[in-house]
Full PDB file with SEQRES, HELIX, SHEET, SSBOND, CRYST1, ORIGX, SCALE, CONECT and MASTER records, all heavy atoms in Angstrom:
SEQRES   1 A   36  PRO ALA GLU VAL LEU ALA ARG LEU GLU ALA ASP ALA LYS          
SEQRES   2 A   36  GLU VAL ILE ALA ARG TYR PRO GLY SER ARG SER ALA LEU          
SEQRES   3 A   36  LEU PRO LEU LEU HIS LEU VAL GLN SER GLU                      
HELIX    1 AA1 ALA A    2  ILE A   16  1                                  15    
HELIX    2 AA2 SER A   22  ALA A   25  5                                   4    
HELIX    3 AA3 LEU A   26  SER A   35  1                                  10    
CRYST1    1.000    1.000    1.000  90.00  90.00  90.00 P 1           1          
ORIGX1      1.000000  0.000000  0.000000        0.00000                         
ORIGX2      0.000000  1.000000  0.000000        0.00000                         
ORIGX3      0.000000  0.000000  1.000000        0.00000                         
SCALE1      1.000000  0.000000  0.000000        0.00000                         
SCALE2      0.000000  1.000000  0.000000        0.00000                         
SCALE3      0.000000  0.000000  1.000000        0.00000                         
ATOM      1  N   PRO A   1       9.039 -11.946  -0.239  1.00  0.00           N  
ATOM      2  CA  PRO A   1       8.910 -12.999  -1.254  1.00  0.00           C  
ATOM      3  C   PRO A   1       8.051 -12.501  -2.423  1.00  0.00           C  
ATOM      4  O   PRO A   1       7.185 -11.633  -2.256  1.00  0.00           O  
ATOM      5  CB  PRO A   1       8.218 -14.138  -0.499  1.00  0.00           C  
ATOM      6  CG  PRO A   1       8.557 -13.888   0.944  1.00  0.00           C  
ATOM      7  CD  PRO A   1       8.622 -12.406   1.103  1.00  0.00           C  
ATOM      8  N   ALA A   2       8.269 -13.071  -3.593  1.00  0.00           N  
ATOM      9  CA  ALA A   2       7.630 -12.566  -4.805  1.00  0.00           C  
ATOM     10  C   ALA A   2       6.108 -12.534  -4.702  1.00  0.00           C  
ATOM     11  O   ALA A   2       5.464 -11.548  -5.094  1.00  0.00           O  
ATOM     12  CB  ALA A   2       8.055 -13.415  -6.003  1.00  0.00           C  
ATOM     13  N   GLU A   3       5.510 -13.598  -4.141  1.00  0.00           N  
ATOM     14  CA  GLU A   3       4.049 -13.631  -4.076  1.00  0.00           C  
ATOM     15  C   GLU A   3       3.513 -12.601  -3.083  1.00  0.00           C  
ATOM     16  O   GLU A   3       2.451 -11.993  -3.306  1.00  0.00           O  
ATOM     17  CB  GLU A   3       3.550 -15.032  -3.700  1.00  0.00           C  
ATOM     18  CG  GLU A   3       3.921 -15.529  -2.305  1.00  0.00           C  
ATOM     19  CD  GLU A   3       5.316 -16.119  -2.231  1.00  0.00           C  
ATOM     20  OE1 GLU A   3       6.059 -16.006  -3.217  1.00  0.00           O  
ATOM     21  OE2 GLU A   3       5.644 -16.708  -1.176  1.00  0.00           O  
ATOM     22  N   VAL A   4       4.254 -12.384  -1.982  1.00  0.00           N  
ATOM     23  CA  VAL A   4       3.840 -11.369  -1.006  1.00  0.00           C  
ATOM     24  C   VAL A   4       3.985  -9.979  -1.615  1.00  0.00           C  
ATOM     25  O   VAL A   4       3.102  -9.118  -1.471  1.00  0.00           O  
ATOM     26  CB  VAL A   4       4.663 -11.486   0.281  1.00  0.00           C  
ATOM     27  CG1 VAL A   4       4.351 -10.329   1.246  1.00  0.00           C  
ATOM     28  CG2 VAL A   4       4.416 -12.827   0.952  1.00  0.00           C  
ATOM     29  N   LEU A   5       5.084  -9.749  -2.314  1.00  0.00           N  
ATOM     30  CA  LEU A   5       5.324  -8.454  -2.930  1.00  0.00           C  
ATOM     31  C   LEU A   5       4.234  -8.118  -3.939  1.00  0.00           C  
ATOM     32  O   LEU A   5       3.725  -6.984  -3.970  1.00  0.00           O  
ATOM     33  CB  LEU A   5       6.691  -8.442  -3.603  1.00  0.00           C  
ATOM     34  CG  LEU A   5       7.091  -7.131  -4.302  1.00  0.00           C  
ATOM     35  CD1 LEU A   5       7.150  -5.991  -3.294  1.00  0.00           C  
ATOM     36  CD2 LEU A   5       8.437  -7.305  -5.014  1.00  0.00           C  
ATOM     37  N   ALA A   6       3.849  -9.095  -4.758  1.00  0.00           N  
ATOM     38  CA  ALA A   6       2.815  -8.844  -5.763  1.00  0.00           C  
ATOM     39  C   ALA A   6       1.484  -8.482  -5.103  1.00  0.00           C  
ATOM     40  O   ALA A   6       0.774  -7.567  -5.549  1.00  0.00           O  
ATOM     41  CB  ALA A   6       2.652 -10.071  -6.654  1.00  0.00           C  
ATOM     42  N   ARG A   7       1.149  -9.170  -4.036  1.00  0.00           N  
ATOM     43  CA  ARG A   7      -0.122  -8.885  -3.332  1.00  0.00           C  
ATOM     44  C   ARG A   7      -0.095  -7.517  -2.671  1.00  0.00           C  
ATOM     45  O   ARG A   7      -1.067  -6.755  -2.758  1.00  0.00           O  
ATOM     46  CB  ARG A   7      -0.367  -9.991  -2.298  1.00  0.00           C  
ATOM     47  CG  ARG A   7      -1.558  -9.744  -1.392  1.00  0.00           C  
ATOM     48  CD  ARG A   7      -1.982 -11.014  -0.679  1.00  0.00           C  
ATOM     49  NE  ARG A   7      -0.861 -11.787  -0.174  1.00  0.00           N  
ATOM     50  CZ  ARG A   7      -0.200 -11.501   0.951  1.00  0.00           C  
ATOM     51  NH1 ARG A   7      -0.554 -10.435   1.657  1.00  0.00           N  
ATOM     52  NH2 ARG A   7       0.794 -12.275   1.359  1.00  0.00           N  
ATOM     53  N   LEU A   8       1.028  -7.172  -2.029  1.00  0.00           N  
ATOM     54  CA  LEU A   8       1.134  -5.876  -1.376  1.00  0.00           C  
ATOM     55  C   LEU A   8       1.146  -4.734  -2.394  1.00  0.00           C  
ATOM     56  O   LEU A   8       0.591  -3.656  -2.143  1.00  0.00           O  
ATOM     57  CB  LEU A   8       2.384  -5.817  -0.509  1.00  0.00           C  
ATOM     58  CG  LEU A   8       2.363  -6.660   0.768  1.00  0.00           C  
ATOM     59  CD1 LEU A   8       3.699  -6.551   1.498  1.00  0.00           C  
ATOM     60  CD2 LEU A   8       1.224  -6.223   1.694  1.00  0.00           C  
ATOM     61  N   GLU A   9       1.775  -4.949  -3.528  1.00  0.00           N  
ATOM     62  CA  GLU A   9       1.797  -3.906  -4.560  1.00  0.00           C  
ATOM     63  C   GLU A   9       0.387  -3.625  -5.076  1.00  0.00           C  
ATOM     64  O   GLU A   9       0.027  -2.458  -5.316  1.00  0.00           O  
ATOM     65  CB  GLU A   9       2.718  -4.311  -5.708  1.00  0.00           C  
ATOM     66  CG  GLU A   9       4.199  -4.200  -5.369  1.00  0.00           C  
ATOM     67  CD  GLU A   9       5.085  -4.662  -6.500  1.00  0.00           C  
ATOM     68  OE1 GLU A   9       4.620  -5.436  -7.369  1.00  0.00           O  
ATOM     69  OE2 GLU A   9       6.271  -4.259  -6.521  1.00  0.00           O  
ATOM     70  N   ALA A  10      -0.425  -4.665  -5.235  1.00  0.00           N  
ATOM     71  CA  ALA A  10      -1.805  -4.473  -5.680  1.00  0.00           C  
ATOM     72  C   ALA A  10      -2.599  -3.702  -4.629  1.00  0.00           C  
ATOM     73  O   ALA A  10      -3.371  -2.787  -4.949  1.00  0.00           O  
ATOM     74  CB  ALA A  10      -2.455  -5.817  -5.976  1.00  0.00           C  
ATOM     75  N   ASP A  11      -2.418  -4.060  -3.367  1.00  0.00           N  
ATOM     76  CA  ASP A  11      -3.110  -3.351  -2.290  1.00  0.00           C  
ATOM     77  C   ASP A  11      -2.628  -1.907  -2.187  1.00  0.00           C  
ATOM     78  O   ASP A  11      -3.428  -0.977  -1.981  1.00  0.00           O  
ATOM     79  CB  ASP A  11      -2.886  -4.061  -0.957  1.00  0.00           C  
ATOM     80  CG  ASP A  11      -3.643  -5.378  -0.853  1.00  0.00           C  
ATOM     81  OD1 ASP A  11      -4.612  -5.557  -1.611  1.00  0.00           O  
ATOM     82  OD2 ASP A  11      -3.261  -6.215  -0.009  1.00  0.00           O  
ATOM     83  N   ALA A  12      -1.324  -1.702  -2.322  1.00  0.00           N  
ATOM     84  CA  ALA A  12      -0.767  -0.357  -2.226  1.00  0.00           C  
ATOM     85  C   ALA A  12      -1.298   0.538  -3.338  1.00  0.00           C  
ATOM     86  O   ALA A  12      -1.593   1.716  -3.119  1.00  0.00           O  
ATOM     87  CB  ALA A  12       0.763  -0.419  -2.269  1.00  0.00           C  
ATOM     88  N   LYS A  13      -1.442  -0.007  -4.520  1.00  0.00           N  
ATOM     89  CA  LYS A  13      -1.980   0.774  -5.638  1.00  0.00           C  
ATOM     90  C   LYS A  13      -3.385   1.248  -5.319  1.00  0.00           C  
ATOM     91  O   LYS A  13      -3.756   2.395  -5.615  1.00  0.00           O  
ATOM     92  CB  LYS A  13      -1.970  -0.085  -6.903  1.00  0.00           C  
ATOM     93  CG  LYS A  13      -2.440   0.651  -8.149  1.00  0.00           C  
ATOM     94  CD  LYS A  13      -2.338  -0.236  -9.376  1.00  0.00           C  
ATOM     95  CE  LYS A  13      -2.804   0.504 -10.617  1.00  0.00           C  
ATOM     96  NZ  LYS A  13      -2.715  -0.370 -11.824  1.00  0.00           N  
ATOM     97  N   GLU A  14      -4.184   0.385  -4.692  1.00  0.00           N  
ATOM     98  CA  GLU A  14      -5.549   0.757  -4.312  1.00  0.00           C  
ATOM     99  C   GLU A  14      -5.535   1.854  -3.252  1.00  0.00           C  
ATOM    100  O   GLU A  14      -6.349   2.796  -3.301  1.00  0.00           O  
ATOM    101  CB  GLU A  14      -6.291  -0.466  -3.788  1.00  0.00           C  
ATOM    102  CG  GLU A  14      -7.724  -0.198  -3.375  1.00  0.00           C  
ATOM    103  CD  GLU A  14      -8.443  -1.443  -2.898  1.00  0.00           C  
ATOM    104  OE1 GLU A  14      -7.997  -2.564  -3.241  1.00  0.00           O  
ATOM    105  OE2 GLU A  14      -9.453  -1.297  -2.168  1.00  0.00           O  
ATOM    106  N   VAL A  15      -4.629   1.755  -2.293  1.00  0.00           N  
ATOM    107  CA  VAL A  15      -4.545   2.760  -1.240  1.00  0.00           C  
ATOM    108  C   VAL A  15      -4.109   4.109  -1.806  1.00  0.00           C  
ATOM    109  O   VAL A  15      -4.711   5.157  -1.514  1.00  0.00           O  
ATOM    110  CB  VAL A  15      -3.572   2.301  -0.133  1.00  0.00           C  
ATOM    111  CG1 VAL A  15      -3.310   3.438   0.861  1.00  0.00           C  
ATOM    112  CG2 VAL A  15      -4.111   1.075   0.582  1.00  0.00           C  
ATOM    113  N   ILE A  16      -3.072   4.117  -2.616  1.00  0.00           N  
ATOM    114  CA  ILE A  16      -2.523   5.363  -3.153  1.00  0.00           C  
ATOM    115  C   ILE A  16      -3.546   6.083  -4.021  1.00  0.00           C  
ATOM    116  O   ILE A  16      -3.615   7.327  -4.046  1.00  0.00           O  
ATOM    117  CB  ILE A  16      -1.229   5.069  -3.945  1.00  0.00           C  
ATOM    118  CG1 ILE A  16      -0.147   4.559  -2.983  1.00  0.00           C  
ATOM    119  CG2 ILE A  16      -0.737   6.309  -4.677  1.00  0.00           C  
ATOM    120  CD1 ILE A  16       1.088   4.007  -3.673  1.00  0.00           C  
ATOM    121  N   ALA A  17      -4.397   5.324  -4.700  1.00  0.00           N  
ATOM    122  CA  ALA A  17      -5.396   5.925  -5.587  1.00  0.00           C  
ATOM    123  C   ALA A  17      -6.443   6.734  -4.834  1.00  0.00           C  
ATOM    124  O   ALA A  17      -7.165   7.544  -5.440  1.00  0.00           O  
ATOM    125  CB  ALA A  17      -6.084   4.835  -6.407  1.00  0.00           C  
ATOM    126  N   ARG A  18      -6.538   6.595  -3.535  1.00  0.00           N  
ATOM    127  CA  ARG A  18      -7.521   7.346  -2.744  1.00  0.00           C  
ATOM    128  C   ARG A  18      -7.114   8.800  -2.545  1.00  0.00           C  
ATOM    129  O   ARG A  18      -7.937   9.620  -2.160  1.00  0.00           O  
ATOM    130  CB  ARG A  18      -7.686   6.705  -1.357  1.00  0.00           C  
ATOM    131  CG  ARG A  18      -8.095   5.261  -1.354  1.00  0.00           C  
ATOM    132  CD  ARG A  18      -8.030   4.728   0.072  1.00  0.00           C  
ATOM    133  NE  ARG A  18      -8.160   3.278   0.141  1.00  0.00           N  
ATOM    134  CZ  ARG A  18      -7.765   2.541   1.172  1.00  0.00           C  
ATOM    135  NH1 ARG A  18      -7.205   3.138   2.217  1.00  0.00           N  
ATOM    136  NH2 ARG A  18      -7.924   1.226   1.159  1.00  0.00           N  
ATOM    137  N   TYR A  19      -5.845   9.130  -2.773  1.00  0.00           N  
ATOM    138  CA  TYR A  19      -5.335  10.441  -2.391  1.00  0.00           C  
ATOM    139  C   TYR A  19      -4.866  11.227  -3.606  1.00  0.00           C  
ATOM    140  O   TYR A  19      -4.282  10.659  -4.544  1.00  0.00           O  
ATOM    141  CB  TYR A  19      -4.165  10.272  -1.412  1.00  0.00           C  
ATOM    142  CG  TYR A  19      -4.558   9.535  -0.154  1.00  0.00           C  
ATOM    143  CD1 TYR A  19      -4.396   8.148  -0.068  1.00  0.00           C  
ATOM    144  CD2 TYR A  19      -5.099  10.217   0.927  1.00  0.00           C  
ATOM    145  CE1 TYR A  19      -4.765   7.463   1.091  1.00  0.00           C  
ATOM    146  CE2 TYR A  19      -5.467   9.533   2.085  1.00  0.00           C  
ATOM    147  CZ  TYR A  19      -5.304   8.163   2.161  1.00  0.00           C  
ATOM    148  OH  TYR A  19      -5.673   7.479   3.300  1.00  0.00           O  
ATOM    149  N   PRO A  20      -5.094  12.556  -3.596  1.00  0.00           N  
ATOM    150  CA  PRO A  20      -4.601  13.383  -4.712  1.00  0.00           C  
ATOM    151  C   PRO A  20      -3.085  13.472  -4.743  1.00  0.00           C  
ATOM    152  O   PRO A  20      -2.486  13.648  -5.802  1.00  0.00           O  
ATOM    153  CB  PRO A  20      -5.242  14.749  -4.440  1.00  0.00           C  
ATOM    154  CG  PRO A  20      -5.565  14.757  -2.978  1.00  0.00           C  
ATOM    155  CD  PRO A  20      -5.881  13.341  -2.622  1.00  0.00           C  
ATOM    156  N   GLY A  21      -2.440  13.357  -3.577  1.00  0.00           N  
ATOM    157  CA  GLY A  21      -0.989  13.326  -3.493  1.00  0.00           C  
ATOM    158  C   GLY A  21      -0.546  12.009  -2.895  1.00  0.00           C  
ATOM    159  O   GLY A  21      -1.041  11.610  -1.831  1.00  0.00           O  
ATOM    160  N   SER A  22       0.365  11.312  -3.554  1.00  0.00           N  
ATOM    161  CA  SER A  22       0.716   9.954  -3.111  1.00  0.00           C  
ATOM    162  C   SER A  22       1.312   9.933  -1.711  1.00  0.00           C  
ATOM    163  O   SER A  22       1.120   8.967  -0.965  1.00  0.00           O  
ATOM    164  CB  SER A  22       1.698   9.318  -4.104  1.00  0.00           C  
ATOM    165  OG  SER A  22       2.917  10.062  -4.160  1.00  0.00           O  
ATOM    166  N   ARG A  23       2.012  10.992  -1.324  1.00  0.00           N  
ATOM    167  CA  ARG A  23       2.647  11.005  -0.001  1.00  0.00           C  
ATOM    168  C   ARG A  23       1.615  10.867   1.115  1.00  0.00           C  
ATOM    169  O   ARG A  23       1.921  10.343   2.191  1.00  0.00           O  
ATOM    170  CB  ARG A  23       3.449  12.291   0.165  1.00  0.00           C  
ATOM    171  CG  ARG A  23       4.324  12.313   1.407  1.00  0.00           C  
ATOM    172  CD  ARG A  23       4.967  13.671   1.626  1.00  0.00           C  
ATOM    173  NE  ARG A  23       5.857  13.647   2.775  1.00  0.00           N  
ATOM    174  CZ  ARG A  23       7.184  13.703   2.699  1.00  0.00           C  
ATOM    175  NH1 ARG A  23       7.776  13.789   1.526  1.00  0.00           N  
ATOM    176  NH2 ARG A  23       7.924  13.688   3.796  1.00  0.00           N  
ATOM    177  N   SER A  24       0.385  11.303   0.872  1.00  0.00           N  
ATOM    178  CA  SER A  24      -0.669  11.215   1.879  1.00  0.00           C  
ATOM    179  C   SER A  24      -1.032   9.776   2.205  1.00  0.00           C  
ATOM    180  O   SER A  24      -1.698   9.516   3.212  1.00  0.00           O  
ATOM    181  CB  SER A  24      -1.916  11.966   1.412  1.00  0.00           C  
ATOM    182  OG  SER A  24      -1.639  13.338   1.208  1.00  0.00           O  
ATOM    183  N   ALA A  25      -0.614   8.846   1.366  1.00  0.00           N  
ATOM    184  CA  ALA A  25      -0.941   7.434   1.589  1.00  0.00           C  
ATOM    185  C   ALA A  25       0.035   6.740   2.534  1.00  0.00           C  
ATOM    186  O   ALA A  25      -0.121   5.544   2.797  1.00  0.00           O  
ATOM    187  CB  ALA A  25      -0.954   6.697   0.244  1.00  0.00           C  
ATOM    188  N   LEU A  26       1.003   7.459   3.079  1.00  0.00           N  
ATOM    189  CA  LEU A  26       2.032   6.800   3.878  1.00  0.00           C  
ATOM    190  C   LEU A  26       1.455   6.132   5.124  1.00  0.00           C  
ATOM    191  O   LEU A  26       1.798   4.987   5.440  1.00  0.00           O  
ATOM    192  CB  LEU A  26       3.123   7.807   4.274  1.00  0.00           C  
ATOM    193  CG  LEU A  26       4.239   7.249   5.170  1.00  0.00           C  
ATOM    194  CD1 LEU A  26       4.889   6.027   4.541  1.00  0.00           C  
ATOM    195  CD2 LEU A  26       5.278   8.334   5.453  1.00  0.00           C  
ATOM    196  N   LEU A  27       0.583   6.818   5.865  1.00  0.00           N  
ATOM    197  CA  LEU A  27       0.051   6.225   7.095  1.00  0.00           C  
ATOM    198  C   LEU A  27      -0.694   4.920   6.827  1.00  0.00           C  
ATOM    199  O   LEU A  27      -0.432   3.909   7.481  1.00  0.00           O  
ATOM    200  CB  LEU A  27      -0.829   7.231   7.838  1.00  0.00           C  
ATOM    201  CG  LEU A  27      -0.133   8.500   8.352  1.00  0.00           C  
ATOM    202  CD1 LEU A  27      -1.124   9.372   9.118  1.00  0.00           C  
ATOM    203  CD2 LEU A  27       1.053   8.158   9.226  1.00  0.00           C  
ATOM    204  N   PRO A  28      -1.661   4.886   5.891  1.00  0.00           N  
ATOM    205  CA  PRO A  28      -2.315   3.598   5.633  1.00  0.00           C  
ATOM    206  C   PRO A  28      -1.371   2.543   5.062  1.00  0.00           C  
ATOM    207  O   PRO A  28      -1.551   1.347   5.323  1.00  0.00           O  
ATOM    208  CB  PRO A  28      -3.440   3.941   4.650  1.00  0.00           C  
ATOM    209  CG  PRO A  28      -3.098   5.268   4.093  1.00  0.00           C  
ATOM    210  CD  PRO A  28      -2.312   5.981   5.149  1.00  0.00           C  
ATOM    211  N   LEU A  29      -0.357   2.952   4.312  1.00  0.00           N  
ATOM    212  CA  LEU A  29       0.594   1.953   3.803  1.00  0.00           C  
ATOM    213  C   LEU A  29       1.396   1.327   4.948  1.00  0.00           C  
ATOM    214  O   LEU A  29       1.712   0.133   4.904  1.00  0.00           O  
ATOM    215  CB  LEU A  29       1.539   2.584   2.779  1.00  0.00           C  
ATOM    216  CG  LEU A  29       1.022   2.778   1.362  1.00  0.00           C  
ATOM    217  CD1 LEU A  29       2.155   3.187   0.426  1.00  0.00           C  
ATOM    218  CD2 LEU A  29       0.338   1.524   0.842  1.00  0.00           C  
ATOM    219  N   LEU A  30       1.709   2.106   5.952  1.00  0.00           N  
ATOM    220  CA  LEU A  30       2.402   1.538   7.106  1.00  0.00           C  
ATOM    221  C   LEU A  30       1.511   0.529   7.827  1.00  0.00           C  
ATOM    222  O   LEU A  30       1.982  -0.509   8.302  1.00  0.00           O  
ATOM    223  CB  LEU A  30       2.842   2.651   8.055  1.00  0.00           C  
ATOM    224  CG  LEU A  30       4.040   3.492   7.584  1.00  0.00           C  
ATOM    225  CD1 LEU A  30       4.209   4.720   8.465  1.00  0.00           C  
ATOM    226  CD2 LEU A  30       5.318   2.663   7.562  1.00  0.00           C  
ATOM    227  N   HIS A  31       0.219   0.826   7.923  1.00  0.00           N  
ATOM    228  CA  HIS A  31      -0.702  -0.167   8.487  1.00  0.00           C  
ATOM    229  C   HIS A  31      -0.759  -1.409   7.595  1.00  0.00           C  
ATOM    230  O   HIS A  31      -0.871  -2.537   8.092  1.00  0.00           O  
ATOM    231  CB  HIS A  31      -2.101   0.431   8.623  1.00  0.00           C  
ATOM    232  CG  HIS A  31      -2.258   1.356   9.791  1.00  0.00           C  
ATOM    233  ND1 HIS A  31      -2.057   0.944  11.089  1.00  0.00           N  
ATOM    234  CD2 HIS A  31      -2.603   2.667   9.854  1.00  0.00           C  
ATOM    235  CE1 HIS A  31      -2.266   1.967  11.905  1.00  0.00           C  
ATOM    236  NE2 HIS A  31      -2.600   3.022  11.185  1.00  0.00           N  
ATOM    237  N   LEU A  32      -0.693  -1.209   6.291  1.00  0.00           N  
ATOM    238  CA  LEU A  32      -0.742  -2.343   5.366  1.00  0.00           C  
ATOM    239  C   LEU A  32       0.431  -3.294   5.585  1.00  0.00           C  
ATOM    240  O   LEU A  32       0.241  -4.513   5.700  1.00  0.00           O  
ATOM    241  CB  LEU A  32      -0.754  -1.840   3.919  1.00  0.00           C  
ATOM    242  CG  LEU A  32      -0.707  -2.921   2.834  1.00  0.00           C  
ATOM    243  CD1 LEU A  32      -1.938  -3.802   2.880  1.00  0.00           C  
ATOM    244  CD2 LEU A  32      -0.537  -2.279   1.451  1.00  0.00           C  
ATOM    245  N   VAL A  33       1.645  -2.759   5.656  1.00  0.00           N  
ATOM    246  CA  VAL A  33       2.795  -3.646   5.853  1.00  0.00           C  
ATOM    247  C   VAL A  33       2.778  -4.236   7.260  1.00  0.00           C  
ATOM    248  O   VAL A  33       3.264  -5.349   7.475  1.00  0.00           O  
ATOM    249  CB  VAL A  33       4.122  -2.910   5.564  1.00  0.00           C  
ATOM    250  CG1 VAL A  33       4.188  -2.475   4.104  1.00  0.00           C  
ATOM    251  CG2 VAL A  33       4.322  -1.718   6.488  1.00  0.00           C  
ATOM    252  N   GLN A  34       2.200  -3.507   8.214  1.00  0.00           N  
ATOM    253  CA  GLN A  34       2.075  -4.060   9.561  1.00  0.00           C  
ATOM    254  C   GLN A  34       1.106  -5.243   9.572  1.00  0.00           C  
ATOM    255  O   GLN A  34       1.280  -6.188  10.352  1.00  0.00           O  
ATOM    256  CB  GLN A  34       1.592  -2.970  10.519  1.00  0.00           C  
ATOM    257  CG  GLN A  34       1.595  -3.376  11.968  1.00  0.00           C  
ATOM    258  CD  GLN A  34       1.625  -2.193  12.910  1.00  0.00           C  
ATOM    259  OE1 GLN A  34       2.636  -1.915  13.543  1.00  0.00           O  
ATOM    260  NE2 GLN A  34       0.522  -1.468  13.010  1.00  0.00           N  
ATOM    261  N   SER A  35       0.103  -5.207   8.713  1.00  0.00           N  
ATOM    262  CA  SER A  35      -0.834  -6.325   8.631  1.00  0.00           C  
ATOM    263  C   SER A  35      -0.186  -7.574   8.047  1.00  0.00           C  
ATOM    264  O   SER A  35      -0.689  -8.684   8.220  1.00  0.00           O  
ATOM    265  CB  SER A  35      -2.053  -5.937   7.785  1.00  0.00           C  
ATOM    266  OG  SER A  35      -1.735  -5.872   6.398  1.00  0.00           O  
ATOM    267  N   GLU A  36       0.931  -7.411   7.388  1.00  0.00           N  
ATOM    268  CA  GLU A  36       1.635  -8.549   6.798  1.00  0.00           C  
ATOM    269  C   GLU A  36       2.538  -9.248   7.802  1.00  0.00           C  
ATOM    270  O   GLU A  36       2.574 -10.479   7.879  1.00  0.00           O  
ATOM    271  CB  GLU A  36       2.461  -8.080   5.600  1.00  0.00           C  
ATOM    272  CG  GLU A  36       3.164  -9.188   4.854  1.00  0.00           C  
ATOM    273  CD  GLU A  36       2.199 -10.174   4.215  1.00  0.00           C  
ATOM    274  OE1 GLU A  36       1.107  -9.757   3.760  1.00  0.00           O  
ATOM    275  OE2 GLU A  36       2.534 -11.378   4.172  1.00  0.00           O  
TER     276      GLU A  36                                                      
MASTER        0    0    0    3    0    0    0    6  275    1    0    3          
END                                                                             
């Protein structure tokens, strides 16, 4: 849903910013969607 997508995109941006290569963020992003 649009409101869920907007919230997850904001969280994902924060997670991806922690890593020099975006692919390294895959594991925490999987935990993020699992939390939803």
